Amino acid sequence: RLCRNADGAPQARSVGSRDGAEAAPHQPLVTRRALTLYKVAMAPSAALLRAAAMAFVGIVASGRELDKCAACHVAMTSLERVLALEHLDEDKTDILAGGRLDSKGERQGKVVKYEASEFRTSHLIDQICEYALTYRPSKEGPRWRQNATLAKRFETNLAGKTKRPLPKISKATTESEVLRLGLLSHCGMLVEEHEELLAELIVAGTAASADGRAAICRDAARCCDDEGLARADTYVEDEPAEDAAADAPRKRKKKKRSAKKREL
């Protein structure tokens, strides 16, 4: 076994020989390979590391930092919206766990209700950061504004009407992209580090409540204090319907102009 120091890192330790004699002092149990495996196992996923690194470099360049309390509010609001759209997902059947076929060819086992199943909680948690892609940072302050067009696309994808994935960020060249990349990285870390608590809140039906938001953003992740929790409405807002509708005529006009150019 690996012994560990006070900080949790592996500690070298001598090993006894087969006959019980004490081993030589220059035969450590922990080799370079073991240390490498330990570091890999303890490190976050490569995707999150890349996202965090890109976000950090971009934020330093732009001078505007991500407000982590606001980012946590966006993540929890995303979970709230995902729960509200759950009725569009048709795959909500009960699960038969650990069953075997009996003499009649029927499977016997424990039936787990979908509402309390791990499949349901994992499925919902996986959608949190995807829904967070529908938000864009405001030009000033820590406020995040939802893009109604992207929110509608998420909804139609969930219902199976379309299969158009939301646009993702591969590189950050503008301040908006830097902050969105930081939001995605922060959301991923929240989900990865507090998945069990999120699942408990979902099953208990309190994930979309103020208590659920406080349990994640204040108590677990420690991103917000009481004042930050009280400002939830100032951090996240929906895009007005008229703004989303105004985008459509512009796109149609561009298509008409391009068609005229082809005729010429």
Protein backbone atom coordinates (compact mmCIF):
# COMPACT_ATOMS: atom_id res chain seq x y z
CA ARG A 1 0.00 0.00 0.00
CA LEU A 2 0.95 3.61 -0.46
CA CYS A 3 1.58 5.48 2.73
CA ARG A 4 0.56 9.09 2.64
CA ASN A 5 1.93 12.25 4.13
CA ALA A 6 -0.20 14.84 5.89
CA ASP A 7 -0.99 16.51 2.56
CA GLY A 8 -2.28 13.23 1.06
CA ALA A 9 0.71 12.55 -1.23
CA PRO A 10 2.33 9.09 -1.36
CA GLN A 11 5.24 8.44 0.98
CA ALA A 12 8.13 6.09 0.24
CA ARG A 13 8.30 3.03 2.44
CA SER A 14 10.67 0.06 2.63
CA VAL A 15 9.36 -3.44 2.03
CA GLY A 16 10.21 -6.57 3.95
CA SER A 17 11.59 -9.65 2.14
CA ARG A 18 9.67 -12.91 1.78
CA ASP A 19 11.40 -14.57 4.74
CA GLY A 20 10.52 -11.69 7.05
CA ALA A 21 13.95 -10.04 7.01
CA GLU A 22 14.10 -6.30 6.84
CA ALA A 23 14.60 -4.97 3.32
CA ALA A 24 17.50 -2.82 2.30
CA PRO A 25 16.99 0.90 2.92
CA HIS A 26 17.35 1.70 -0.80
CA GLN A 27 14.33 -0.35 -1.96
CA PRO A 28 11.34 2.07 -1.89
CA LEU A 29 7.87 0.74 -2.49
CA VAL A 30 6.73 3.86 -4.30
CA THR A 31 8.34 4.05 -7.71
CA ARG A 32 8.11 6.79 -10.29
CA ARG A 33 5.41 4.80 -12.07
CA ALA A 34 3.31 4.59 -8.91
CA LEU A 35 3.65 8.32 -8.32
CA THR A 36 2.62 9.01 -11.91
CA LEU A 37 -0.46 6.80 -11.59
CA TYR A 38 -1.38 8.52 -8.33
CA LYS A 39 -1.16 11.97 -9.89
CA VAL A 40 -3.27 10.90 -12.86
CA ALA A 41 -5.90 9.33 -10.61
CA MET A 42 -6.15 12.39 -8.37
CA ALA A 43 -6.21 14.95 -11.19
CA PRO A 44 -9.45 16.31 -12.75
CA SER A 45 -10.39 15.21 -16.25
CA ALA A 46 -8.20 16.44 -19.10
CA ALA A 47 -11.10 18.30 -20.68
CA LEU A 48 -11.74 20.29 -17.51
CA LEU A 49 -8.04 21.06 -17.14
CA ARG A 50 -7.85 22.38 -20.69
CA ALA A 51 -10.98 24.46 -20.22
CA ALA A 52 -9.74 25.87 -16.91
CA ALA A 53 -6.33 26.73 -18.40
CA MET A 54 -7.87 28.47 -21.42
CA ALA A 55 -10.28 30.36 -19.20
CA PHE A 56 -7.48 31.47 -16.86
CA VAL A 57 -5.27 32.71 -19.70
CA GLY A 58 -8.17 34.52 -21.33
CA ILE A 59 -9.34 36.15 -18.12
CA VAL A 60 -5.84 37.42 -17.40
CA ALA A 61 -5.69 38.90 -20.90
CA SER A 62 -9.15 40.52 -20.72
CA GLY A 63 -8.95 41.73 -17.11
CA ARG A 64 -12.53 40.62 -16.32
CA GLU A 65 -12.85 37.70 -13.95
CA LEU A 66 -15.64 35.17 -13.74
CA ASP A 67 -17.95 35.75 -10.78
CA LYS A 68 -18.17 32.24 -9.33
CA CYS A 69 -21.32 32.98 -7.34
CA ALA A 70 -23.06 34.13 -10.52
CA ALA A 71 -21.73 31.06 -12.34
CA CYS A 72 -23.15 28.79 -9.64
CA HIS A 73 -26.52 30.52 -9.99
CA VAL A 74 -26.42 29.86 -13.75
CA ALA A 75 -25.67 26.18 -13.13
CA MET A 76 -28.50 25.79 -10.61
CA THR A 77 -30.90 27.73 -12.83
CA SER A 78 -29.94 25.37 -15.65
CA LEU A 79 -30.80 22.39 -13.43
CA GLU A 80 -34.12 24.04 -12.59
CA ARG A 81 -34.94 24.45 -16.31
CA VAL A 82 -33.83 20.89 -17.10
CA LEU A 83 -36.18 19.58 -14.42
CA ALA A 84 -39.02 21.68 -15.86
CA LEU A 85 -38.40 20.17 -19.31
CA GLU A 86 -38.15 16.59 -18.04
CA HIS A 87 -41.68 15.81 -19.27
CA LEU A 88 -40.41 16.07 -22.86
CA ASP A 89 -38.08 13.10 -22.35
CA GLU A 90 -39.95 9.89 -23.20
CA ASP A 91 -37.44 7.51 -21.62
CA LYS A 92 -38.90 7.46 -18.09
CA THR A 93 -39.68 3.79 -17.52
CA ASP A 94 -39.08 2.00 -14.22
CA ILE A 95 -35.88 -0.04 -13.98
CA LEU A 96 -35.64 -3.73 -13.06
CA ALA A 97 -32.40 -4.12 -11.13
CA GLY A 98 -30.47 -7.37 -10.66
CA GLY A 99 -33.15 -9.66 -12.05
CA ARG A 100 -32.81 -13.20 -13.43
CA LEU A 101 -35.08 -15.20 -15.68
CA ASP A 102 -37.31 -17.70 -13.90
CA SER A 103 -38.58 -21.04 -15.23
CA LYS A 104 -41.30 -19.23 -17.18
CA GLY A 105 -38.82 -16.92 -18.87
CA GLU A 106 -39.90 -13.89 -16.88
CA ARG A 107 -37.31 -11.66 -15.28
CA GLN A 108 -37.44 -11.43 -11.50
CA GLY A 109 -35.79 -8.66 -9.49
CA LYS A 110 -36.23 -5.40 -7.65
CA VAL A 111 -38.12 -2.70 -9.51
CA VAL A 112 -36.60 0.76 -9.03
CA LYS A 113 -38.93 3.64 -9.69
CA TYR A 114 -37.65 6.00 -12.36
CA GLU A 115 -38.10 9.05 -10.11
CA ALA A 116 -35.60 7.66 -7.57
CA SER A 117 -33.28 5.85 -9.98
CA GLU A 118 -29.62 6.64 -10.52
CA PHE A 119 -30.30 6.60 -14.26
CA ARG A 120 -32.64 9.58 -13.89
CA THR A 121 -30.34 11.66 -11.70
CA SER A 122 -27.31 11.00 -13.92
CA HIS A 123 -29.31 11.84 -17.03
CA LEU A 124 -30.48 15.16 -15.56
CA ILE A 125 -27.08 16.11 -14.14
CA ASP A 126 -25.45 15.48 -17.52
CA GLN A 127 -27.72 18.12 -19.04
CA ILE A 128 -26.87 20.93 -16.60
CA CYS A 129 -23.75 22.27 -18.30
CA GLU A 130 -25.22 21.72 -21.75
CA TYR A 131 -28.15 23.97 -20.85
CA ALA A 132 -25.71 26.50 -19.38
CA LEU A 133 -24.45 27.01 -22.96
CA THR A 134 -27.66 28.93 -23.64
CA TYR A 135 -26.47 31.82 -21.45
CA ARG A 136 -24.31 34.76 -22.50
CA PRO A 137 -22.54 37.26 -20.21
CA SER A 138 -23.79 40.84 -20.11
CA LYS A 139 -21.45 43.62 -21.18
CA GLU A 140 -21.21 44.94 -17.64
CA GLY A 141 -21.40 43.27 -14.25
CA PRO A 142 -21.78 39.58 -13.38
CA ARG A 143 -25.23 39.24 -14.99
CA TRP A 144 -25.93 36.36 -17.41
CA ARG A 145 -28.63 36.56 -20.04
CA GLN A 146 -30.26 33.60 -21.74
CA ASN A 147 -30.37 33.37 -25.51
CA ALA A 148 -33.97 32.39 -26.29
CA THR A 149 -33.06 30.85 -29.65
CA LEU A 150 -30.56 28.46 -28.08
CA ALA A 151 -32.95 27.64 -25.23
CA LYS A 152 -35.61 26.71 -27.79
CA ARG A 153 -33.11 24.53 -29.66
CA PHE A 154 -32.27 22.67 -26.45
CA GLU A 155 -35.96 22.07 -25.89
CA THR A 156 -36.61 20.73 -29.41
CA ASN A 157 -33.52 18.51 -29.20
CA LEU A 158 -34.74 17.07 -25.91
CA ALA A 159 -38.17 16.38 -27.41
CA GLY A 160 -36.54 14.56 -30.34
CA LYS A 161 -37.83 17.04 -32.93
CA THR A 162 -34.36 18.22 -33.95
CA LYS A 163 -30.77 17.07 -33.56
CA ARG A 164 -28.87 20.33 -33.70
CA PRO A 165 -26.29 20.48 -30.88
CA LEU A 166 -25.70 23.77 -29.14
CA PRO A 167 -22.60 25.65 -30.31
CA LYS A 168 -19.58 24.87 -28.15
CA ILE A 169 -16.44 26.88 -27.54
CA SER A 170 -13.17 25.52 -28.88
CA LYS A 171 -11.11 28.66 -28.32
CA ALA A 172 -11.60 31.98 -26.58
CA THR A 173 -10.68 35.13 -28.50
CA THR A 174 -13.21 37.62 -27.11
CA GLU A 175 -14.14 38.58 -23.57
CA SER A 176 -17.56 36.97 -23.97
CA GLU A 177 -16.02 33.68 -25.11
CA VAL A 178 -13.53 33.77 -22.24
CA LEU A 179 -16.31 34.18 -19.68
CA ARG A 180 -18.47 31.50 -21.33
CA LEU A 181 -15.53 29.11 -21.28
CA GLY A 182 -14.97 29.93 -17.62
CA LEU A 183 -18.66 29.28 -16.91
CA LEU A 184 -18.47 25.90 -18.64
CA SER A 185 -15.35 24.95 -16.68
CA HIS A 186 -16.87 26.04 -13.36
CA CYS A 187 -20.11 24.21 -14.11
CA GLY A 188 -18.20 21.04 -14.94
CA MET A 189 -16.29 21.19 -11.67
CA LEU A 190 -19.49 21.77 -9.68
CA VAL A 191 -21.13 18.74 -11.26
CA GLU A 192 -18.06 16.54 -10.87
CA GLU A 193 -17.34 17.43 -7.23
CA HIS A 194 -20.95 17.53 -5.94
CA GLU A 195 -22.70 14.93 -8.08
CA GLU A 196 -23.92 12.90 -5.08
CA LEU A 197 -25.42 15.94 -3.38
CA LEU A 198 -27.09 17.04 -6.61
CA ALA A 199 -28.59 13.57 -7.00
CA GLU A 200 -29.93 13.66 -3.43
CA LEU A 201 -31.54 17.05 -4.05
CA ILE A 202 -33.14 15.84 -7.29
CA VAL A 203 -34.63 12.74 -5.65
CA ALA A 204 -35.84 14.81 -2.67
CA GLY A 205 -37.46 17.32 -5.02
CA THR A 206 -35.58 20.31 -3.57
CA ALA A 207 -33.00 20.88 -6.33
CA ALA A 208 -35.03 23.73 -7.84
CA SER A 209 -35.71 25.41 -4.50
CA ALA A 210 -33.87 28.16 -2.66
CA ASP A 211 -32.70 25.57 -0.10
CA GLY A 212 -31.21 23.43 -2.88
CA ARG A 213 -29.40 26.41 -4.34
CA ALA A 214 -28.01 27.30 -0.92
CA ALA A 215 -26.90 23.71 -0.30
CA ILE A 216 -24.77 23.74 -3.46
CA CYS A 217 -23.62 27.34 -3.95
CA ARG A 218 -23.11 28.31 -0.31
CA ASP A 219 -22.62 25.19 1.80
CA ALA A 220 -20.91 22.73 -0.57
CA ALA A 221 -19.07 24.76 -3.23
CA ARG A 222 -18.74 27.89 -1.05
CA CYS A 223 -19.14 30.16 -4.08
CA CYS A 224 -21.76 32.43 -2.50
CA ASP A 225 -22.46 33.95 0.88
CA ASP A 226 -25.94 34.86 2.11
CA GLU A 227 -25.81 38.16 0.27
CA GLY A 228 -24.86 36.41 -2.96
CA LEU A 229 -27.77 33.98 -2.56
CA ALA A 230 -30.17 36.89 -2.13
CA ARG A 231 -29.01 38.36 -5.44
CA ALA A 232 -30.01 35.31 -7.50
CA ASP A 233 -32.50 37.30 -9.59
CA THR A 234 -29.87 39.89 -10.48
CA TYR A 235 -27.39 37.31 -11.77
CA VAL A 236 -29.59 35.47 -14.29
CA GLU A 237 -32.26 36.79 -16.65
CA ASP A 238 -34.16 35.53 -19.68
CA GLU A 239 -33.95 37.16 -23.07
CA PRO A 240 -37.18 39.04 -23.92
CA ALA A 241 -39.31 37.28 -26.52
CA GLU A 242 -39.24 40.29 -28.86
CA ASP A 243 -35.45 40.21 -28.99
CA ALA A 244 -35.46 36.59 -30.14
CA ALA A 245 -38.22 37.24 -32.68
CA ALA A 246 -36.32 40.20 -34.09
CA ASP A 247 -33.46 37.95 -35.15
CA ALA A 248 -35.56 35.94 -37.62
CA PRO A 249 -36.44 38.74 -40.11
CA ARG A 250 -32.79 39.76 -40.33
CA LYS A 251 -31.76 36.26 -41.32
CA ARG A 252 -34.51 36.02 -43.96
CA LYS A 253 -33.52 39.37 -45.46
CA LYS A 254 -29.92 38.23 -45.78
CA LYS A 255 -31.05 35.12 -47.65
CA LYS A 256 -33.14 37.23 -50.07
CA ARG A 257 -30.21 39.53 -50.80
CA SER A 258 -27.91 36.59 -51.47
CA ALA A 259 -30.50 35.11 -53.84
CA LYS A 260 -30.65 38.35 -55.82
CA LYS A 261 -26.88 38.40 -56.10
CA ARG A 262 -26.92 34.91 -57.59
CA GLU A 263 -29.46 35.99 -60.23
CA LEU A 264 -27.23 38.90 -61.23
